[in-house]
PDB file of N, CA and C in Angstrom:
ATOM      1  N   MET A   1     171.267 -88.969  83.346  1.00  0.00           N
ATOM      2  CA  MET A   1     171.539 -88.031  84.410  1.00  0.00           C
ATOM      3  C   MET A   1     171.154 -86.629  83.955  1.00  0.00           C
ATOM      4  N   ALA A   2     170.528 -85.885  84.815  1.00  0.00           N
ATOM      5  CA  ALA A   2     170.082 -84.530  84.480  1.00  0.00           C
ATOM      6  C   ALA A   2     171.276 -83.587  84.428  1.00  0.00           C
ATOM      7  N   ALA A   3     171.205 -82.627  83.527  1.00  0.00           N
ATOM      8  CA  ALA A   3     172.267 -81.624  83.403  1.00  0.00           C
ATOM      9  C   ALA A   3     172.249 -80.712  84.618  1.00  0.00           C
ATOM     10  N   ALA A   4     173.332 -79.999  84.811  1.00  0.00           N
ATOM     11  CA  ALA A   4     173.405 -79.060  85.929  1.00  0.00           C
ATOM     12  C   ALA A   4     172.263 -78.061  85.832  1.00  0.00           C
ATOM     13  N   GLY A   5     171.554 -77.868  86.930  1.00  0.00           N
ATOM     14  CA  GLY A   5     170.438 -76.932  86.943  1.00  0.00           C
ATOM     15  C   GLY A   5     169.140 -77.524  86.453  1.00  0.00           C
ATOM     16  N   ALA A   6     169.170 -78.767  85.993  1.00  0.00           N
ATOM     17  CA  ALA A   6     167.956 -79.417  85.497  1.00  0.00           C
ATOM     18  C   ALA A   6     167.488 -80.432  86.522  1.00  0.00           C
ATOM     19  N   THR A   7     166.195 -80.564  86.642  1.00  0.00           N
ATOM     20  CA  THR A   7     165.630 -81.580  87.515  1.00  0.00           C
ATOM     21  C   THR A   7     164.696 -82.442  86.703  1.00  0.00           C
ATOM     22  N   SER A   8     164.531 -83.667  87.162  1.00  0.00           N
ATOM     23  CA  SER A   8     163.684 -84.596  86.436  1.00  0.00           C
ATOM     24  C   SER A   8     162.467 -84.932  87.278  1.00  0.00           C
ATOM     25  N   VAL A   9     161.305 -84.789  86.701  1.00  0.00           N
ATOM     26  CA  VAL A   9     160.060 -85.140  87.366  1.00  0.00           C
ATOM     27  C   VAL A   9     159.392 -86.185  86.496  1.00  0.00           C
ATOM     28  N   GLY A  10     159.364 -87.414  86.992  1.00  0.00           N
ATOM     29  CA  GLY A  10     158.817 -88.487  86.177  1.00  0.00           C
ATOM     30  C   GLY A  10     159.693 -88.669  84.960  1.00  0.00           C
ATOM     31  N   ASP A  11     159.096 -88.622  83.773  1.00  0.00           N
ATOM     32  CA  ASP A  11     159.845 -88.771  82.530  1.00  0.00           C
ATOM     33  C   ASP A  11     160.183 -87.429  81.891  1.00  0.00           C
ATOM     34  N   ILE A  12     159.740 -86.343  82.498  1.00  0.00           N
ATOM     35  CA  ILE A  12     159.942 -85.017  81.918  1.00  0.00           C
ATOM     36  C   ILE A  12     161.114 -84.341  82.617  1.00  0.00           C
ATOM     37  N   GLU A  13     162.099 -83.933  81.834  1.00  0.00           N
ATOM     38  CA  GLU A  13     163.240 -83.227  82.396  1.00  0.00           C
ATOM     39  C   GLU A  13     163.003 -81.728  82.306  1.00  0.00           C
ATOM     40  N   GLU A  14     163.148 -81.053  83.426  1.00  0.00           N
ATOM     41  CA  GLU A  14     162.967 -79.607  83.475  1.00  0.00           C
ATOM     42  C   GLU A  14     164.327 -78.944  83.341  1.00  0.00           C
ATOM     43  N   ASP A  15     164.435 -77.996  82.431  1.00  0.00           N
ATOM     44  CA  ASP A  15     165.687 -77.294  82.206  1.00  0.00           C
ATOM     45  C   ASP A  15     165.364 -75.921  81.623  1.00  0.00           C
ATOM     46  N   ALA A  16     165.463 -74.903  82.450  1.00  0.00           N
ATOM     47  CA  ALA A  16     165.110 -73.549  82.006  1.00  0.00           C
ATOM     48  C   ALA A  16     165.976 -73.095  80.839  1.00  0.00           C
ATOM     49  N   SER A  17     167.219 -73.556  80.778  1.00  0.00           N
ATOM     50  CA  SER A  17     168.085 -73.140  79.669  1.00  0.00           C
ATOM     51  C   SER A  17     167.601 -73.689  78.332  1.00  0.00           C
ATOM     52  N   GLN A  18     166.774 -74.744  78.387  1.00  0.00           N
ATOM     53  CA  GLN A  18     166.186 -75.323  77.176  1.00  0.00           C
ATOM     54  C   GLN A  18     164.702 -74.969  77.051  1.00  0.00           C
ATOM     55  N   LEU A  19     164.242 -74.058  77.911  1.00  0.00           N
ATOM     56  CA  LEU A  19     162.834 -73.640  77.963  1.00  0.00           C
ATOM     57  C   LEU A  19     161.905 -74.820  78.211  1.00  0.00           C
ATOM     58  N   SER A  20     162.377 -75.750  79.020  1.00  0.00           N
ATOM     59  CA  SER A  20     161.587 -76.913  79.405  1.00  0.00           C
ATOM     60  C   SER A  20     161.159 -76.719  80.859  1.00  0.00           C
ATOM     61  N   PHE A  21     159.875 -76.393  81.036  1.00  0.00           N
ATOM     62  CA  PHE A  21     159.352 -76.058  82.353  1.00  0.00           C
ATOM     63  C   PHE A  21     158.309 -77.082  82.788  1.00  0.00           C
ATOM     64  N   PRO A  22     158.029 -77.160  84.086  1.00  0.00           N
ATOM     65  CA  PRO A  22     156.966 -78.061  84.555  1.00  0.00           C
ATOM     66  C   PRO A  22     155.622 -77.651  83.969  1.00  0.00           C
ATOM     67  N   LYS A  23     154.702 -78.588  83.909  1.00  0.00           N
ATOM     68  CA  LYS A  23     153.393 -78.321  83.296  1.00  0.00           C
ATOM     69  C   LYS A  23     152.642 -77.191  84.000  1.00  0.00           C
ATOM     70  N   GLU A  24     152.927 -76.965  85.281  1.00  0.00           N
ATOM     71  CA  GLU A  24     152.266 -75.890  86.018  1.00  0.00           C
ATOM     72  C   GLU A  24     152.552 -74.519  85.403  1.00  0.00           C
ATOM     73  N   PHE A  25     153.630 -74.407  84.644  1.00  0.00           N
ATOM     74  CA  PHE A  25     154.027 -73.132  84.050  1.00  0.00           C
ATOM     75  C   PHE A  25     153.447 -72.921  82.657  1.00  0.00           C
ATOM     76  N   GLU A  26     152.794 -73.930  82.094  1.00  0.00           N
ATOM     77  CA  GLU A  26     152.288 -73.837  80.724  1.00  0.00           C
ATOM     78  C   GLU A  26     151.357 -72.649  80.515  1.00  0.00           C
ATOM     79  N   ASN A  27     150.436 -72.436  81.432  1.00  0.00           N
ATOM     80  CA  ASN A  27     149.459 -71.356  81.288  1.00  0.00           C
ATOM     81  C   ASN A  27     149.783 -70.146  82.155  1.00  0.00           C
ATOM     82  N   ALA A  28     150.951 -70.171  82.778  1.00  0.00           N
ATOM     83  CA  ALA A  28     151.344 -69.069  83.654  1.00  0.00           C
ATOM     84  C   ALA A  28     151.791 -67.870  82.831  1.00  0.00           C
ATOM     85  N   GLU A  29     151.462 -66.703  83.303  1.00  0.00           N
ATOM     86  CA  GLU A  29     151.933 -65.472  82.678  1.00  0.00           C
ATOM     87  C   GLU A  29     153.140 -64.970  83.463  1.00  0.00           C
ATOM     88  N   THR A  30     154.043 -64.346  82.781  1.00  0.00           N
ATOM     89  CA  THR A  30     155.217 -63.792  83.449  1.00  0.00           C
ATOM     90  C   THR A  30     154.991 -62.314  83.728  1.00  0.00           C
ATOM     91  N   LEU A  31     155.564 -61.858  84.813  1.00  0.00           N
ATOM     92  CA  LEU A  31     155.493 -60.446  85.175  1.00  0.00           C
ATOM     93  C   LEU A  31     156.905 -59.895  85.289  1.00  0.00           C
ATOM     94  N   LEU A  32     157.061 -58.658  84.911  1.00  0.00           N
ATOM     95  CA  LEU A  32     158.331 -57.978  85.108  1.00  0.00           C
ATOM     96  C   LEU A  32     158.410 -57.539  86.563  1.00  0.00           C
ATOM     97  N   ASN A  33     159.618 -57.370  87.072  1.00  0.00           N
ATOM     98  CA  ASN A  33     159.773 -56.868  88.441  1.00  0.00           C
ATOM     99  C   ASN A  33     158.993 -55.571  88.623  1.00  0.00           C
ATOM    100  N   SER A  34     158.993 -54.737  87.607  1.00  0.00           N
ATOM    101  CA  SER A  34     158.275 -53.456  87.677  1.00  0.00           C
ATOM    102  C   SER A  34     156.772 -53.661  87.822  1.00  0.00           C
ATOM    103  N   GLU A  35     156.236 -54.673  87.141  1.00  0.00           N
ATOM    104  CA  GLU A  35     154.802 -54.962  87.243  1.00  0.00           C
ATOM    105  C   GLU A  35     154.460 -55.499  88.628  1.00  0.00           C
ATOM    106  N   VAL A  36     155.316 -56.365  89.148  1.00  0.00           N
ATOM    107  CA  VAL A  36     155.095 -56.897  90.498  1.00  0.00           C
ATOM    108  C   VAL A  36     155.127 -55.750  91.502  1.00  0.00           C
ATOM    109  N   HIS A  37     156.076 -54.848  91.332  1.00  0.00           N
ATOM    110  CA  HIS A  37     156.173 -53.707  92.249  1.00  0.00           C
ATOM    111  C   HIS A  37     154.900 -52.858  92.210  1.00  0.00           C
ATOM    112  N   MET A  38     154.395 -52.600  91.021  1.00  0.00           N
ATOM    113  CA  MET A  38     153.169 -51.800  90.901  1.00  0.00           C
ATOM    114  C   MET A  38     151.993 -52.493  91.588  1.00  0.00           C
ATOM    115  N   LEU A  39     151.883 -53.802  91.416  1.00  0.00           N
ATOM    116  CA  LEU A  39     150.793 -54.553  92.049  1.00  0.00           C
ATOM    117  C   LEU A  39     150.915 -54.529  93.571  1.00  0.00           C
ATOM    118  N   LEU A  40     152.123 -54.747  94.070  1.00  0.00           N
ATOM    119  CA  LEU A  40     152.324 -54.752  95.522  1.00  0.00           C
ATOM    120  C   LEU A  40     152.114 -53.360  96.115  1.00  0.00           C
ATOM    121  N   GLU A  41     152.569 -52.353  95.417  1.00  0.00           N
ATOM    122  CA  GLU A  41     152.379 -50.980  95.893  1.00  0.00           C
ATOM    123  C   GLU A  41     150.887 -50.641  95.946  1.00  0.00           C
ATOM    124  N   HIS A  42     150.148 -51.078  94.943  1.00  0.00           N
ATOM    125  CA  HIS A  42     148.698 -50.862  94.925  1.00  0.00           C
ATOM    126  C   HIS A  42     148.041 -51.568  96.113  1.00  0.00           C
ATOM    127  N   ARG A  43     148.458 -52.795  96.361  1.00  0.00           N
ATOM    128  CA  ARG A  43     147.905 -53.559  97.493  1.00  0.00           C
ATOM    129  C   ARG A  43     148.231 -52.869  98.816  1.00  0.00           C
ATOM    130  N   LYS A  44     149.438 -52.357  98.940  1.00  0.00           N
ATOM    131  CA  LYS A  44     149.845 -51.647 100.154  1.00  0.00           C
ATOM    132  C   LYS A  44     148.992 -50.395 100.349  1.00  0.00           C
ATOM    133  N   GLN A  45     148.755 -49.641  99.276  1.00  0.00           N
ATOM    134  CA  GLN A  45     147.934 -48.435  99.364  1.00  0.00           C
ATOM    135  C   GLN A  45     146.494 -48.769  99.729  1.00  0.00           C
ATOM    136  N   GLN A  46     145.974 -49.868  99.162  1.00  0.00           N
ATOM    137  CA  GLN A  46     144.620 -50.311  99.524  1.00  0.00           C
ATOM    138  C   GLN A  46     144.556 -50.615 101.011  1.00  0.00           C
ATOM    139  N   ASN A  47     145.559 -51.290 101.511  1.00  0.00           N
ATOM    140  CA  ASN A  47     145.595 -51.660 102.917  1.00  0.00           C
ATOM    141  C   ASN A  47     145.659 -50.414 103.803  1.00  0.00           C
ATOM    142  N   GLU A  48     146.460 -49.441 103.406  1.00  0.00           N
ATOM    143  CA  GLU A  48     146.608 -48.220 104.198  1.00  0.00           C
ATOM    144  C   GLU A  48     145.332 -47.390 104.228  1.00  0.00           C
ATOM    145  N   SER A  49     144.541 -47.455 103.169  1.00  0.00           N
ATOM    146  CA  SER A  49     143.314 -46.663 103.127  1.00  0.00           C
ATOM    147  C   SER A  49     142.104 -47.418 103.688  1.00  0.00           C
ATOM    148  N   ALA A  50     142.284 -48.675 104.033  1.00  0.00           N
ATOM    149  CA  ALA A  50     141.182 -49.457 104.596  1.00  0.00           C
ATOM    150  C   ALA A  50     140.911 -49.015 106.033  1.00  0.00           C
ATOM    151  N   GLU A  51     139.657 -49.174 106.444  1.00  0.00           N
ATOM    152  CA  GLU A  51     139.284 -48.797 107.809  1.00  0.00           C
ATOM    153  C   GLU A  51     140.028 -49.626 108.845  1.00  0.00           C
ATOM    154  N   ASP A  52     140.120 -50.915 108.596  1.00  0.00           N
ATOM    155  CA  ASP A  52     140.818 -51.798 109.534  1.00  0.00           C
ATOM    156  C   ASP A  52     142.134 -52.261 108.901  1.00  0.00           C
ATOM    157  N   GLU A  53     143.091 -51.340 108.902  1.00  0.00           N
ATOM    158  CA  GLU A  53     144.394 -51.608 108.282  1.00  0.00           C
ATOM    159  C   GLU A  53     145.047 -52.818 108.946  1.00  0.00           C
ATOM    160  N   GLN A  54     145.503 -53.734 108.110  1.00  0.00           N
ATOM    161  CA  GLN A  54     146.139 -54.953 108.604  1.00  0.00           C
ATOM    162  C   GLN A  54     147.647 -54.827 108.436  1.00  0.00           C
ATOM    163  N   GLU A  55     148.379 -55.479 109.307  1.00  0.00           N
ATOM    164  CA  GLU A  55     149.831 -55.467 109.179  1.00  0.00           C
ATOM    165  C   GLU A  55     150.228 -56.346 107.997  1.00  0.00           C
ATOM    166  N   LEU A  56     151.069 -55.811 107.135  1.00  0.00           N
ATOM    167  CA  LEU A  56     151.536 -56.571 105.980  1.00  0.00           C
ATOM    168  C   LEU A  56     152.640 -57.520 106.434  1.00  0.00           C
ATOM    169  N   SER A  57     152.656 -58.697 105.839  1.00  0.00           N
ATOM    170  CA  SER A  57     153.612 -59.721 106.265  1.00  0.00           C
ATOM    171  C   SER A  57     155.045 -59.318 105.939  1.00  0.00           C
ATOM    172  N   GLU A  58     155.963 -59.956 106.617  1.00  0.00           N
ATOM    173  CA  GLU A  58     157.383 -59.707 106.388  1.00  0.00           C
ATOM    174  C   GLU A  58     157.767 -60.074 104.954  1.00  0.00           C
ATOM    175  N   VAL A  59     157.222 -61.176 104.460  1.00  0.00           N
ATOM    176  CA  VAL A  59     157.509 -61.604 103.085  1.00  0.00           C
ATOM    177  C   VAL A  59     156.994 -60.559 102.095  1.00  0.00           C
ATOM    178  N   PHE A  60     155.801 -60.042 102.336  1.00  0.00           N
ATOM    179  CA  PHE A  60     155.244 -58.999 101.475  1.00  0.00           C
ATOM    180  C   PHE A  60     156.182 -57.798 101.435  1.00  0.00           C
ATOM    181  N   MET A  61     156.608 -57.341 102.603  1.00  0.00           N
ATOM    182  CA  MET A  61     157.454 -56.150 102.672  1.00  0.00           C
ATOM    183  C   MET A  61     158.823 -56.389 102.033  1.00  0.00           C
ATOM    184  N   LYS A  62     159.387 -57.569 102.240  1.00  0.00           N
ATOM    185  CA  LYS A  62     160.678 -57.882 101.616  1.00  0.00           C
ATOM    186  C   LYS A  62     160.547 -57.930 100.099  1.00  0.00           C
ATOM    187  N   THR A  63     159.452 -58.498  99.620  1.00  0.00           N
ATOM    188  CA  THR A  63     159.222 -58.564  98.177  1.00  0.00           C
ATOM    189  C   THR A  63     159.005 -57.165  97.613  1.00  0.00           C
ATOM    190  N   LEU A  64     158.252 -56.352  98.322  1.00  0.00           N
ATOM    191  CA  LEU A  64     158.032 -54.965  97.900  1.00  0.00           C
ATOM    192  C   LEU A  64     159.362 -54.209  97.823  1.00  0.00           C
ATOM    193  N   ASN A  65     160.200 -54.369  98.825  1.00  0.00           N
ATOM    194  CA  ASN A  65     161.505 -53.699  98.831  1.00  0.00           C
ATOM    195  C   ASN A  65     162.399 -54.200  97.698  1.00  0.00           C
ATOM    196  N   TYR A  66     162.383 -55.510  97.458  1.00  0.00           N
ATOM    197  CA  TYR A  66     163.175 -56.094  96.367  1.00  0.00           C
ATOM    198  C   TYR A  66     162.735 -55.523  95.024  1.00  0.00           C
ATOM    199  N   THR A  67     161.421 -55.538  94.803  1.00  0.00           N
ATOM    200  CA  THR A  67     160.929 -55.051  93.511  1.00  0.00           C
ATOM    201  C   THR A  67     161.153 -53.547  93.362  1.00  0.00           C
ATOM    202  N   ALA A  68     161.106 -52.811  94.454  1.00  0.00           N
ATOM    203  CA  ALA A  68     161.395 -51.374  94.380  1.00  0.00           C
ATOM    204  C   ALA A  68     162.843 -51.155  93.946  1.00  0.00           C
ATOM    205  N   ARG A  69     163.717 -51.963  94.471  1.00  0.00           N
ATOM    206  CA  ARG A  69     165.141 -51.823  94.152  1.00  0.00           C
ATOM    207  C   ARG A  69     165.450 -52.216  92.711  1.00  0.00           C
ATOM    208  N   PHE A  70     164.793 -53.261  92.217  1.00  0.00           N
ATOM    209  CA  PHE A  70     165.144 -53.801  90.906  1.00  0.00           C
ATOM    210  C   PHE A  70     164.139 -53.481  89.804  1.00  0.00           C
ATOM    211  N   SER A  71     163.189 -52.615  90.076  1.00  0.00           N
ATOM    212  CA  SER A  71     162.251 -52.181  89.038  1.00  0.00           C
ATOM    213  C   SER A  71     162.971 -51.233  88.098  1.00  0.00           C
ATOM    214  N   ARG A  72     162.899 -51.524  86.824  1.00  0.00           N
ATOM    215  CA  ARG A  72     163.569 -50.686  85.826  1.00  0.00           C
ATOM    216  C   ARG A  72     162.624 -49.634  85.252  1.00  0.00           C
ATOM    217  N   PHE A  73     161.334 -49.934  85.261  1.00  0.00           N
ATOM    218  CA  PHE A  73     160.354 -49.092  84.584  1.00  0.00           C
ATOM    219  C   PHE A  73     159.345 -48.587  85.607  1.00  0.00           C
ATOM    220  N   LYS A  74     159.011 -47.317  85.509  1.00  0.00           N
ATOM    221  CA  LYS A  74     158.217 -46.681  86.563  1.00  0.00           C
ATOM    222  C   LYS A  74     156.751 -46.461  86.226  1.00  0.00           C
ATOM    223  N   ASN A  75     156.343 -46.681  84.971  1.00  0.00           N
ATOM    224  CA  ASN A  75     154.930 -46.476  84.653  1.00  0.00           C
ATOM    225  C   ASN A  75     154.441 -47.520  83.655  1.00  0.00           C
ATOM    226  N   ARG A  76     153.135 -47.639  83.569  1.00  0.00           N
ATOM    227  CA  ARG A  76     152.510 -48.667  82.725  1.00  0.00           C
ATOM    228  C   ARG A  76     152.843 -48.495  81.253  1.00  0.00           C
ATOM    229  N   GLU A  77     152.923 -47.257  80.808  1.00  0.00           N
ATOM    230  CA  GLU A  77     153.198 -47.000  79.395  1.00  0.00           C
ATOM    231  C   GLU A  77     154.575 -47.520  78.999  1.00  0.00           C
ATOM    232  N   THR A  78     155.554 -47.285  79.847  1.00  0.00           N
ATOM    233  CA  THR A  78     156.907 -47.768  79.566  1.00  0.00           C
ATOM    234  C   THR A  78     156.941 -49.288  79.570  1.00  0.00           C
ATOM    235  N   ILE A  79     156.281 -49.892  80.537  1.00  0.00           N
ATOM    236  CA  ILE A  79     156.223 -51.356  80.608  1.00  0.00           C
ATOM    237  C   ILE A  79     155.576 -51.916  79.350  1.00  0.00           C
ATOM    238  N   ALA A  80     154.474 -51.324  78.932  1.00  0.00           N
ATOM    239  CA  ALA A  80     153.784 -51.785  77.722  1.00  0.00           C
ATOM    240  C   ALA A  80     154.688 -51.642  76.500  1.00  0.00           C
ATOM    241  N   SER A  81     155.434 -50.562  76.421  1.00  0.00           N
ATOM    242  CA  SER A  81     156.350 -50.349  75.294  1.00  0.00           C
ATOM    243  C   SER A  81     157.459 -51.391  75.275  1.00  0.00           C
ATOM    244  N   VAL A  82     158.022 -51.674  76.436  1.00  0.00           N
ATOM    245  CA  VAL A  82     159.091 -52.676  76.532  1.00  0.00           C
ATOM    246  C   VAL A  82     158.561 -54.045  76.141  1.00  0.00           C
ATOM    247  N   ARG A  83     157.396 -54.403  76.664  1.00  0.00           N
ATOM    248  CA  ARG A  83     156.784 -55.696  76.314  1.00  0.00           C
ATOM    249  C   ARG A  83     156.528 -55.782  74.810  1.00  0.00           C
ATOM    250  N   SER A  84     155.977 -54.739  74.247  1.00  0.00           N
ATOM    251  CA  SER A  84     155.663 -54.717  72.822  1.00  0.00           C
ATOM    252  C   SER A  84     156.928 -54.879  71.978  1.00  0.00           C
ATOM    253  N   LEU A  85     157.962 -54.169  72.345  1.00  0.00           N
ATOM    254  CA  LEU A  85     159.227 -54.245  71.622  1.00  0.00           C
ATOM    255  C   LEU A  85     159.811 -55.659  71.679  1.00  0.00           C
ATOM    256  N   LEU A  86     159.824 -56.250  72.866  1.00  0.00           N
ATOM    257  CA  LEU A  86     160.402 -57.589  73.018  1.00  0.00           C
ATOM    258  C   LEU A  86     159.523 -58.671  72.390  1.00  0.00           C
ATOM    259  N   GLN A  87     158.207 -58.472  72.365  1.00  0.00           N
ATOM    260  CA  GLN A  87     157.319 -59.462  71.752  1.00  0.00           C
ATOM    261  C   GLN A  87     157.535 -59.550  70.248  1.00  0.00           C
ATOM    262  N   GLN A  88     158.033 -58.511  69.647  1.00  0.00           N
ATOM    263  CA  GLN A  88     158.329 -58.533  68.213  1.00  0.00           C
ATOM    264  C   GLN A  88     159.469 -59.496  67.891  1.00  0.00           C
ATOM    265  N   LYS A  89     160.257 -59.851  68.885  1.00  0.00           N
ATOM    266  CA  LYS A  89     161.430 -60.699  68.681  1.00  0.00           C
ATOM    267  C   LYS A  89     161.123 -62.190  68.792  1.00  0.00           C
ATOM    268  N   LYS A  90     159.867 -62.554  68.964  1.00  0.00           N
ATOM    269  CA  LYS A  90     159.447 -63.965  69.038  1.00  0.00           C
ATOM    270  C   LYS A  90     160.174 -64.718  70.158  1.00  0.00           C
ATOM    271  N   LEU A  91     160.248 -64.089  71.306  1.00  0.00           N
ATOM    272  CA  LEU A  91     160.891 -64.698  72.467  1.00  0.00           C
ATOM    273  C   LEU A  91     159.884 -65.510  73.264  1.00  0.00           C
ATOM    274  N   HIS A  92     160.370 -66.505  73.977  1.00  0.00           N
ATOM    275  CA  HIS A  92     159.541 -67.229  74.938  1.00  0.00           C
ATOM    276  C   HIS A  92     159.190 -66.244  76.051  1.00  0.00           C
ATOM    277  N   LYS A  93     158.028 -66.404  76.663  1.00  0.00           N
ATOM    278  CA  LYS A  93     157.587 -65.436  77.673  1.00  0.00           C
ATOM    279  C   LYS A  93     158.557 -65.323  78.848  1.00  0.00           C
ATOM    280  N   PHE A  94     159.260 -66.400  79.172  1.00  0.00           N
ATOM    281  CA  PHE A  94     160.231 -66.340  80.265  1.00  0.00           C
ATOM    282  C   PHE A  94     161.511 -65.625  79.825  1.00  0.00           C
ATOM    283  N   GLU A  95     161.878 -65.756  78.560  1.00  0.00           N
ATOM    284  CA  GLU A  95     163.018 -65.006  78.027  1.00  0.00           C
ATOM    285  C   GLU A  95     162.690 -63.518  78.002  1.00  0.00           C
ATOM    286  N   LEU A  96     161.482 -63.193  77.587  1.00  0.00           N
ATOM    287  CA  LEU A  96     161.042 -61.802  77.528  1.00  0.00           C
ATOM    288  C   LEU A  96     161.138 -61.155  78.904  1.00  0.00           C
ATOM    289  N   ALA A  97     160.603 -61.823  79.917  1.00  0.00           N
ATOM    290  CA  ALA A  97     160.627 -61.263  81.274  1.00  0.00           C
ATOM    291  C   ALA A  97     162.061 -61.132  81.783  1.00  0.00           C
ATOM    292  N   SER A  98     162.890 -62.122  81.498  1.00  0.00           N
ATOM    293  CA  SER A  98     164.284 -62.068  81.947  1.00  0.00           C
ATOM    294  C   SER A  98     165.031 -60.910  81.300  1.00  0.00           C
ATOM    295  N   LEU A  99     164.864 -60.749  80.003  1.00  0.00           N
ATOM    296  CA  LEU A  99     165.526 -59.637  79.308  1.00  0.00           C
ATOM    297  C   LEU A  99     165.045 -58.288  79.826  1.00  0.00           C
ATOM    298  N   ALA A 100     163.752 -58.156  80.017  1.00  0.00           N
ATOM    299  CA  ALA A 100     163.201 -56.885  80.496  1.00  0.00           C
ATOM    300  C   ALA A 100     163.662 -56.587  81.921  1.00  0.00           C
ATOM    301  N   ASN A 101     163.763 -57.607  82.757  1.00  0.00           N
ATOM    302  CA  ASN A 101     164.200 -57.398  84.135  1.00  0.00           C
ATOM    303  C   ASN A 101     165.689 -57.072  84.220  1.00  0.00           C
ATOM    304  N   LEU A 102     166.493 -57.728  83.397  1.00  0.00           N
ATOM    305  CA  LEU A 102     167.940 -57.550  83.474  1.00  0.00           C
ATOM    306  C   LEU A 102     168.447 -56.359  82.667  1.00  0.00           C
ATOM    307  N   CYS A 103     167.776 -56.032  81.577  1.00  0.00           N
ATOM    308  CA  CYS A 103     168.191 -54.937  80.688  1.00  0.00           C
ATOM    309  C   CYS A 103     169.681 -55.006  80.340  1.00  0.00           C
ATOM    310  N   PRO A 104     170.112 -56.115  79.748  1.00  0.00           N
ATOM    311  CA  PRO A 104     171.532 -56.205  79.384  1.00  0.00           C
ATOM    312  C   PRO A 104     171.884 -55.159  78.326  1.00  0.00           C
ATOM    313  N   GLU A 105     173.132 -54.727  78.351  1.00  0.00           N
ATOM    314  CA  GLU A 105     173.568 -53.677  77.424  1.00  0.00           C
ATOM    315  C   GLU A 105     173.939 -54.216  76.052  1.00  0.00           C
ATOM    316  N   ALA A 106     174.309 -55.493  75.973  1.00  0.00           N
ATOM    317  CA  ALA A 106     174.738 -56.063  74.696  1.00  0.00           C
ATOM    318  C   ALA A 106     174.221 -57.488  74.564  1.00  0.00           C
ATOM    319  N   ALA A 107     174.175 -57.968  73.332  1.00  0.00           N
ATOM    320  CA  ALA A 107     173.699 -59.328  73.070  1.00  0.00           C
ATOM    321  C   ALA A 107     174.555 -60.358  73.796  1.00  0.00           C
ATOM    322  N   GLU A 108     175.859 -60.133  73.862  1.00  0.00           N
ATOM    323  CA  GLU A 108     176.755 -61.073  74.536  1.00  0.00           C
ATOM    324  C   GLU A 108     176.410 -61.183  76.019  1.00  0.00           C
ATOM    325  N   GLU A 109     176.110 -60.058  76.629  1.00  0.00           N
ATOM    326  CA  GLU A 109     175.721 -60.055  78.041  1.00  0.00           C
ATOM    327  C   GLU A 109     174.410 -60.812  78.227  1.00  0.00           C
ATOM    328  N   ALA A 110     173.458 -60.597  77.339  1.00  0.00           N
ATOM    329  CA  ALA A 110     172.171 -61.296  77.415  1.00  0.00           C
ATOM    330  C   ALA A 110     172.373 -62.797  77.287  1.00  0.00           C
ATOM    331  N   LYS A 111     173.208 -63.221  76.349  1.00  0.00           N
ATOM    332  CA  LYS A 111     173.465 -64.652  76.144  1.00  0.00           C
ATOM    333  C   LYS A 111     174.160 -65.273  77.344  1.00  0.00           C
ATOM    334  N   ALA A 112     175.024 -64.515  78.001  1.00  0.00           N
ATOM    335  CA  ALA A 112     175.720 -65.026  79.180  1.00  0.00           C
ATOM    336  C   ALA A 112     174.775 -65.158  80.374  1.00  0.00           C
ATOM    337  N   LEU A 113     173.841 -64.218  80.503  1.00  0.00           N
ATOM    338  CA  LEU A 113     172.927 -64.222  81.642  1.00  0.00           C
ATOM    339  C   LEU A 113     171.715 -65.120  81.435  1.00  0.00           C
ATOM    340  N   ILE A 114     171.273 -65.227  80.188  1.00  0.00           N
ATOM    341  CA  ILE A 114     170.067 -65.998  79.870  1.00  0.00           C
ATOM    342  C   ILE A 114     170.448 -67.041  78.826  1.00  0.00           C
ATOM    343  N   PRO A 115     170.703 -68.281  79.266  1.00  0.00           N
ATOM    344  CA  PRO A 115     171.180 -69.317  78.320  1.00  0.00           C
ATOM    345  C   PRO A 115     170.221 -69.605  77.184  1.00  0.00           C
TER     346      PRO A 115
END
């Protein structure tokens, strides 16, 4: 039986708390909320400056608003510094993104939020 929060696909059990992800995630890169916000904001600006401006979807706008609210870092240099600092700790890429997005104040908080 799969543990709480774990799903089984074929013979492979997926469990994020054990860093066991589906094969589709093997080559995937993780983005911080701040990076997603920068990308979406850039896309929005491109759309606004285009001759035939298109209406952005509701999902796009909701995602943009979410990332604006939860973005911790406002420029590329800060994001690069945070990534560099966390990469020194030999974290899994999903742990790195989670820590950077949550910015826990103490190790105990990080352990409670990220199993």
